[in-house]
Amino acid sequence: MVENVRSSNSVPALVIVALVMGLIIGFVFGLTLPSLVSSKSERVLAYEEVAAQSAVEEAAKLAVQRGFDSPEYDLVYKTLSGGELYDGPSLAQSMPIETKEVWLSWMRNNRNDSPFFLEERWKLAHDFVESSELRRPQDVRAFLLAPREHFVREQNLNLAYADTWLPIGFGATITDPDVVAMMTTTLDIKSGDRVLEIGTGSGYQSAILAYLTQEVYTIEIIKPLYIETDALYRDLEKSFPAYGSINRKLGDGYYGWEEYAPFDKILVTCSIDHIPPPLLKQLKADGIMVLPLGPPGRQYIMEVKKNIAEDGNITLTRRDVYNGLGVSFIPFRDETGASYSTSVPVEKKVISQ
């Protein structure tokens, strides 16, 4: 009788095995579940966390810490004029890109780039040619001449040629290289075009533009970021003289740079839900503006062409360059840190580039 009681209360071996296996499977599933979530969704969340930072507050704090509030610092950099201006487009045109081997040989003999990153840069450019995000030979050359490794900031050097955005401090980011390529191609820049960039950021986009035209103008609103990138340019000019042709200033890009208007092309690298009227006014007839347009949390890269009829009426034509694929950019802010977008935030459905 006693043996029967013990037998009825014991747990069968199969049940114990099943429980152990269940625990193991649950533990493994718990560890691997994050990797099953869409990587693009993770990037949106991470980007929104970066964008949510108060760029103005962080900038003010770091300005004090690093001594960037010195009134003696030159907050407007104007380049040389006329024949003294370095001709980046001519350098780009002379660079052979028929094969990787020919290009690598030319780069080693004519440039001061770190050889460690050259093959990665070539591969990324080739990928963007395949995806049509780089279409014109001059855009490919400009991309191949711009050393992204100098602009991602030291903490992200190992990700210099990863196709992703990266934080650069001050609540700002360096844009995904594929988006940079697509926006550059869409501008259709010709040598001699006067190009205005809103949002200098890391300096990488302007570095590419400097090999497409000698007339590059860029504006940054975050003071310590402006000073950091300006200092980077000044240092890089020793090895890459084309960067000496980039005019740059600290200011609110919403109002453009009227002193040098009109511009053939305007590139906006921060998100907004409308086209800033001052920028539209400073865009030439038949000019092109490229910007991430849409409400907070959901933008699309738009090509806007300005057309002026014989009677003086202005019409705009718009094209979504990614055909419905959403992107995420840092908000377009004024000097107080407030966003220029007026729309009510919508549910996040954006697919980040």
Protein backbone atom coordinates (compact mmCIF):
# COMPACT_ATOMS: atom_id res chain seq x y z
CA MET A 1 0.00 0.00 0.00
CA VAL A 2 2.78 2.40 0.95
CA GLU A 3 4.60 1.64 -2.30
CA ASN A 4 1.41 2.37 -4.28
CA VAL A 5 1.03 5.76 -2.59
CA ARG A 6 4.62 6.72 -3.38
CA SER A 7 4.18 5.62 -6.98
CA SER A 8 1.04 7.69 -7.50
CA ASN A 9 2.70 10.86 -6.11
CA SER A 10 5.94 10.63 -8.13
CA VAL A 11 6.50 12.68 -11.31
CA PRO A 12 7.11 10.61 -14.46
CA ALA A 13 10.56 11.01 -15.99
CA LEU A 14 9.08 12.16 -19.32
CA VAL A 15 7.35 15.06 -17.62
CA ILE A 16 10.59 16.16 -15.97
CA VAL A 17 12.42 15.96 -19.31
CA ALA A 18 9.63 17.97 -20.98
CA LEU A 19 9.80 20.66 -18.31
CA VAL A 20 13.59 20.95 -18.60
CA MET A 21 13.40 21.16 -22.39
CA GLY A 22 10.70 23.81 -22.11
CA LEU A 23 12.85 25.92 -19.83
CA ILE A 24 15.84 25.63 -22.15
CA ILE A 25 13.76 26.55 -25.22
CA GLY A 26 12.22 29.49 -23.39
CA PHE A 27 15.62 30.76 -22.30
CA VAL A 28 17.07 30.51 -25.80
CA PHE A 29 13.96 32.13 -27.33
CA GLY A 30 14.22 34.97 -24.85
CA LEU A 31 17.81 35.61 -25.85
CA THR A 32 17.19 35.48 -29.59
CA LEU A 33 13.86 37.30 -29.72
CA PRO A 34 15.42 40.77 -30.10
CA SER A 35 17.26 39.62 -33.22
CA LEU A 36 13.97 38.50 -34.73
CA VAL A 37 12.58 42.02 -34.56
CA SER A 38 12.99 44.02 -37.75
CA SER A 39 16.32 45.80 -37.78
CA LYS A 40 14.67 48.77 -39.46
CA SER A 41 12.21 49.10 -36.60
CA GLU A 42 15.09 49.11 -34.14
CA ARG A 43 16.78 51.87 -36.10
CA VAL A 44 13.64 54.00 -36.07
CA LEU A 45 13.39 53.72 -32.29
CA ALA A 46 17.07 54.49 -31.83
CA TYR A 47 16.86 57.43 -34.21
CA GLU A 48 13.84 58.85 -32.43
CA GLU A 49 15.76 58.66 -29.16
CA VAL A 50 18.57 60.69 -30.70
CA ALA A 51 16.15 63.16 -32.28
CA ALA A 52 14.32 63.60 -28.98
CA GLN A 53 17.38 65.11 -27.35
CA SER A 54 17.30 68.86 -26.87
CA ALA A 55 20.06 69.89 -29.24
CA VAL A 56 20.04 73.45 -27.97
CA GLU A 57 20.36 72.49 -24.29
CA GLU A 58 23.12 69.98 -24.99
CA ALA A 59 24.92 72.46 -27.21
CA ALA A 60 24.82 75.14 -24.53
CA LYS A 61 26.18 72.75 -21.91
CA LEU A 62 29.04 71.53 -24.09
CA ALA A 63 29.81 75.05 -25.24
CA VAL A 64 30.62 75.98 -21.65
CA GLN A 65 32.56 72.77 -21.01
CA ARG A 66 34.73 73.12 -24.12
CA GLY A 67 35.10 76.87 -24.16
CA PHE A 68 33.34 77.30 -27.50
CA ASP A 69 31.70 80.56 -26.43
CA SER A 70 34.79 82.58 -27.23
CA PRO A 71 33.63 85.69 -29.13
CA GLU A 72 36.91 85.67 -31.04
CA TYR A 73 36.02 82.47 -32.89
CA ASP A 74 35.33 83.05 -36.59
CA LEU A 75 31.70 81.97 -37.07
CA VAL A 76 31.63 82.65 -40.80
CA TYR A 77 34.20 81.04 -43.07
CA LYS A 78 34.45 82.55 -46.54
CA THR A 79 36.63 80.93 -49.16
CA LEU A 80 39.07 82.40 -51.63
CA SER A 81 37.61 83.80 -54.82
CA GLY A 82 38.33 83.63 -58.53
CA GLY A 83 41.42 81.81 -59.73
CA GLU A 84 42.61 81.15 -56.17
CA LEU A 85 39.66 78.85 -55.47
CA TYR A 86 40.63 75.17 -55.50
CA ASP A 87 38.90 73.28 -58.31
CA GLY A 88 37.51 70.09 -56.75
CA PRO A 89 35.45 69.12 -59.83
CA SER A 90 38.57 69.10 -62.03
CA LEU A 91 40.30 66.74 -59.62
CA ALA A 92 37.27 64.47 -59.63
CA GLN A 93 37.15 64.46 -63.42
CA SER A 94 40.79 63.36 -63.63
CA MET A 95 40.24 60.33 -61.39
CA PRO A 96 39.87 57.00 -63.28
CA ILE A 97 37.10 54.69 -62.07
CA GLU A 98 37.08 51.99 -64.78
CA THR A 99 38.12 49.26 -62.34
CA LYS A 100 38.83 49.02 -58.65
CA GLU A 101 42.50 48.24 -59.26
CA VAL A 102 43.00 51.30 -61.50
CA TRP A 103 41.18 53.52 -58.99
CA LEU A 104 43.16 52.19 -56.02
CA SER A 105 46.43 52.81 -57.84
CA TRP A 106 45.43 56.40 -58.65
CA MET A 107 44.31 57.07 -55.09
CA ARG A 108 47.58 55.77 -53.63
CA ASN A 109 49.62 57.93 -55.98
CA ASN A 110 47.56 61.13 -55.85
CA ARG A 111 45.81 61.32 -52.49
CA ASN A 112 46.42 61.21 -48.75
CA ASP A 113 43.57 58.84 -47.87
CA SER A 114 44.09 56.04 -45.40
CA PRO A 115 44.47 52.84 -47.49
CA PHE A 116 42.65 50.90 -44.78
CA PHE A 117 39.23 52.25 -45.85
CA LEU A 118 39.63 52.47 -49.62
CA GLU A 119 38.25 49.04 -50.52
CA GLU A 120 35.23 49.59 -48.26
CA ARG A 121 34.56 52.93 -49.95
CA TRP A 122 34.78 51.36 -53.40
CA LYS A 123 32.39 48.56 -52.45
CA LEU A 124 29.83 50.99 -51.03
CA ALA A 125 29.98 53.16 -54.15
CA HIS A 126 29.56 50.06 -56.34
CA ASP A 127 26.51 49.01 -54.30
CA PHE A 128 24.92 52.42 -54.82
CA VAL A 129 25.58 52.30 -58.55
CA GLU A 130 23.80 48.94 -58.61
CA SER A 131 20.84 50.40 -56.69
CA SER A 132 20.82 53.56 -58.90
CA GLU A 133 21.38 55.76 -55.87
CA LEU A 134 24.52 56.91 -57.67
CA ARG A 135 23.80 57.34 -61.35
CA ARG A 136 26.11 59.93 -62.90
CA PRO A 137 29.86 59.31 -63.22
CA GLN A 138 30.61 62.66 -61.56
CA ASP A 139 28.52 61.68 -58.53
CA VAL A 140 30.38 58.38 -58.26
CA ARG A 141 33.70 60.21 -58.40
CA ALA A 142 32.64 62.74 -55.76
CA PHE A 143 31.50 59.91 -53.47
CA LEU A 144 34.79 58.05 -53.96
CA LEU A 145 36.81 61.16 -53.14
CA ALA A 146 35.07 61.94 -49.84
CA PRO A 147 36.71 60.10 -46.89
CA ARG A 148 33.70 59.30 -44.69
CA GLU A 149 36.06 57.90 -42.04
CA HIS A 150 37.03 61.48 -41.12
CA PHE A 151 33.42 62.56 -40.56
CA VAL A 152 31.80 59.76 -38.54
CA ARG A 153 33.74 60.89 -35.45
CA GLU A 154 36.31 58.73 -33.72
CA GLN A 155 33.92 56.68 -31.58
CA ASN A 156 32.27 55.22 -34.71
CA LEU A 157 35.34 54.80 -36.88
CA ASN A 158 34.78 51.05 -37.24
CA LEU A 159 31.36 51.80 -38.79
CA ALA A 160 32.59 54.43 -41.23
CA TYR A 161 31.27 52.55 -44.27
CA ALA A 162 28.32 50.76 -42.70
CA ASP A 163 25.16 51.75 -44.54
CA THR A 164 23.54 53.37 -41.53
CA TRP A 165 23.23 56.72 -39.78
CA LEU A 166 25.44 57.35 -36.76
CA PRO A 167 25.27 59.79 -33.83
CA ILE A 168 27.83 62.61 -33.91
CA GLY A 169 26.90 64.31 -30.63
CA PHE A 170 24.88 67.43 -29.86
CA GLY A 171 21.64 65.59 -30.69
CA ALA A 172 22.69 65.24 -34.34
CA THR A 173 23.60 62.39 -36.71
CA ILE A 174 25.54 61.70 -39.88
CA THR A 175 23.07 60.54 -42.52
CA ASP A 176 23.07 57.04 -44.01
CA PRO A 177 25.52 56.96 -46.94
CA ASP A 178 22.87 55.57 -49.31
CA VAL A 179 20.56 58.51 -48.54
CA VAL A 180 23.49 60.91 -49.01
CA ALA A 181 24.16 59.28 -52.38
CA MET A 182 20.52 59.50 -53.47
CA MET A 183 20.09 63.13 -52.42
CA THR A 184 23.35 64.05 -54.17
CA THR A 185 22.33 62.32 -57.38
CA THR A 186 18.87 63.93 -57.30
CA LEU A 187 20.37 67.43 -57.13
CA ASP A 188 21.97 66.92 -60.56
CA ILE A 189 24.81 69.33 -59.72
CA LYS A 190 26.93 70.80 -62.48
CA SER A 191 30.35 72.37 -62.04
CA GLY A 192 29.79 76.05 -61.29
CA ASP A 193 26.36 75.55 -59.71
CA ARG A 194 25.85 77.53 -56.51
CA VAL A 195 24.65 75.00 -53.93
CA LEU A 196 23.28 75.74 -50.44
CA GLU A 197 23.19 73.02 -47.77
CA ILE A 198 21.02 73.46 -44.67
CA GLY A 199 22.46 71.48 -41.77
CA THR A 200 26.24 71.11 -42.03
CA GLY A 201 26.24 68.42 -39.35
CA SER A 202 29.27 66.15 -39.62
CA GLY A 203 30.50 67.88 -42.79
CA TYR A 204 30.31 64.73 -44.92
CA GLN A 205 27.65 65.91 -47.37
CA SER A 206 29.47 69.16 -48.13
CA ALA A 207 32.69 67.19 -48.58
CA ILE A 208 31.01 65.35 -51.45
CA LEU A 209 29.51 68.54 -52.89
CA ALA A 210 32.97 70.15 -52.98
CA TYR A 211 33.98 67.70 -55.73
CA LEU A 212 30.92 68.58 -57.83
CA THR A 213 31.08 72.39 -57.76
CA GLN A 214 33.33 75.14 -56.45
CA GLU A 215 30.35 77.06 -55.04
CA VAL A 216 29.27 75.26 -51.84
CA TYR A 217 27.54 77.11 -48.98
CA THR A 218 26.51 75.38 -45.77
CA ILE A 219 24.78 76.52 -42.56
CA GLU A 220 24.70 74.88 -39.11
CA ILE A 221 22.58 76.10 -36.18
CA ILE A 222 24.19 74.16 -33.30
CA LYS A 223 27.19 76.24 -32.23
CA PRO A 224 29.54 73.59 -30.79
CA LEU A 225 28.78 71.26 -33.71
CA TYR A 226 29.50 74.07 -36.15
CA ILE A 227 32.82 74.82 -34.44
CA GLU A 228 33.80 71.15 -34.25
CA THR A 229 33.10 70.56 -37.95
CA ASP A 230 34.67 73.85 -38.97
CA ALA A 231 37.83 72.88 -37.11
CA LEU A 232 37.73 69.47 -38.81
CA TYR A 233 37.53 71.12 -42.23
CA ARG A 234 40.42 73.45 -41.43
CA ASP A 235 42.55 70.46 -40.45
CA LEU A 236 41.54 68.37 -43.47
CA GLU A 237 42.25 71.22 -45.90
CA LYS A 238 45.94 70.43 -45.49
CA SER A 239 45.46 67.05 -47.19
CA PHE A 240 42.19 67.70 -49.05
CA PRO A 241 42.34 71.29 -50.35
CA ALA A 242 38.87 71.08 -51.94
CA TYR A 243 37.37 71.59 -48.48
CA GLY A 244 38.82 75.09 -48.48
CA SER A 245 36.17 75.94 -51.08
CA ILE A 246 33.28 75.28 -48.67
CA ASN A 247 31.70 78.49 -47.37
CA ARG A 248 30.16 77.90 -43.96
CA LYS A 249 28.45 79.83 -41.21
CA LEU A 250 26.64 79.47 -37.91
CA GLY A 251 22.99 80.45 -38.24
CA ASP A 252 19.36 79.49 -38.74
CA GLY A 253 19.15 77.74 -42.08
CA TYR A 254 15.40 78.33 -42.37
CA TYR A 255 16.20 81.80 -43.71
CA GLY A 256 18.90 80.63 -46.08
CA TRP A 257 21.94 82.73 -46.96
CA GLU A 258 20.51 85.75 -48.74
CA GLU A 259 23.90 87.35 -49.26
CA TYR A 260 24.79 84.67 -51.84
CA ALA A 261 21.34 83.96 -53.27
CA PRO A 262 20.00 82.88 -55.67
CA PHE A 263 21.12 79.26 -55.58
CA ASP A 264 20.96 76.71 -58.39
CA LYS A 265 20.44 73.87 -55.91
CA ILE A 266 19.40 73.68 -52.25
CA LEU A 267 19.81 70.62 -50.03
CA VAL A 268 18.04 70.39 -46.66
CA THR A 269 19.32 67.68 -44.30
CA CYS A 270 16.77 68.05 -41.49
CA SER A 271 13.07 67.15 -41.57
CA ILE A 272 10.21 69.62 -41.91
CA ASP A 273 6.53 69.44 -42.86
CA HIS A 274 6.60 72.33 -45.35
CA ILE A 275 8.95 74.02 -47.77
CA PRO A 276 10.52 77.05 -46.05
CA PRO A 277 9.39 80.14 -48.03
CA PRO A 278 12.77 81.94 -47.68
CA LEU A 279 14.57 78.95 -49.22
CA LEU A 280 12.05 78.74 -52.04
CA LYS A 281 12.56 82.45 -52.71
CA GLN A 282 16.34 81.99 -52.83
CA LEU A 283 16.09 79.08 -55.30
CA LYS A 284 16.66 80.03 -58.93
CA ALA A 285 14.09 79.48 -61.63
CA ASP A 286 14.42 75.86 -62.82
CA GLY A 287 16.41 75.19 -59.65
CA ILE A 288 16.13 72.01 -57.58
CA MET A 289 15.60 71.63 -53.84
CA VAL A 290 15.90 68.24 -52.14
CA LEU A 291 14.58 67.82 -48.60
CA PRO A 292 13.01 65.28 -46.20
CA LEU A 293 9.41 66.47 -46.22
CA GLY A 294 6.58 65.31 -43.97
CA PRO A 295 5.12 65.43 -40.46
CA PRO A 296 7.19 64.48 -37.39
CA GLY A 297 8.13 60.81 -37.46
CA ARG A 298 7.26 60.32 -41.12
CA GLN A 299 9.12 62.00 -43.97
CA TYR A 300 9.89 61.32 -47.59
CA ILE A 301 12.81 62.63 -49.60
CA MET A 302 11.29 65.02 -52.10
CA GLU A 303 12.73 66.62 -55.20
CA VAL A 304 11.14 70.04 -55.67
CA LYS A 305 11.63 71.93 -58.93
CA LYS A 306 10.80 75.62 -59.16
CA ASN A 307 9.25 76.73 -62.44
CA ILE A 308 8.49 80.34 -63.36
CA ALA A 309 6.09 80.95 -66.26
CA GLU A 310 6.32 83.87 -68.68
CA ASP A 311 3.61 85.67 -66.73
CA GLY A 312 5.68 85.37 -63.55
CA ASN A 313 3.57 82.68 -61.90
CA ILE A 314 5.58 80.17 -59.89
CA THR A 315 4.71 76.49 -59.94
CA LEU A 316 6.38 73.64 -58.10
CA THR A 317 6.74 70.06 -59.22
CA ARG A 318 7.44 67.42 -56.59
CA ARG A 319 8.78 63.90 -56.83
CA ASP A 320 9.25 61.32 -54.09
CA VAL A 321 12.70 60.03 -54.97
CA TYR A 322 12.26 56.76 -53.04
CA ASN A 323 8.71 56.13 -54.32
CA GLY A 324 6.99 55.90 -50.95
CA LEU A 325 9.83 54.67 -48.76
CA GLY A 326 9.94 56.70 -45.55
CA VAL A 327 13.08 58.01 -43.87
CA SER A 328 13.99 59.60 -40.53
CA PHE A 329 15.91 62.84 -40.14
CA ILE A 330 16.65 65.11 -37.18
CA PRO A 331 13.94 67.82 -36.96
CA PHE A 332 14.50 71.25 -38.52
CA ARG A 333 14.77 73.50 -35.44
CA ASP A 334 15.00 77.21 -34.76
CA GLU A 335 17.48 78.89 -32.43
CA THR A 336 15.35 78.10 -29.38
CA GLY A 337 15.30 74.38 -30.19
CA ALA A 338 11.64 74.40 -31.29
CA SER A 339 10.74 72.43 -34.40
CA TYR A 340 9.64 74.34 -37.49
CA SER A 341 7.14 71.59 -38.25
CA THR A 342 3.59 72.42 -37.19
CA SER A 343 1.86 69.10 -37.80
CA VAL A 344 0.54 66.93 -34.98
CA PRO A 345 2.83 63.89 -34.56
CA VAL A 346 1.46 60.75 -36.19
CA GLU A 347 1.86 57.07 -35.35
CA LYS A 348 5.29 55.80 -36.30
CA LYS A 349 5.00 53.86 -39.54
CA VAL A 350 8.22 55.09 -41.09
CA ILE A 351 10.74 52.72 -42.63
CA SER A 352 14.09 54.26 -41.80
CA GLN A 353 16.82 54.27 -44.40
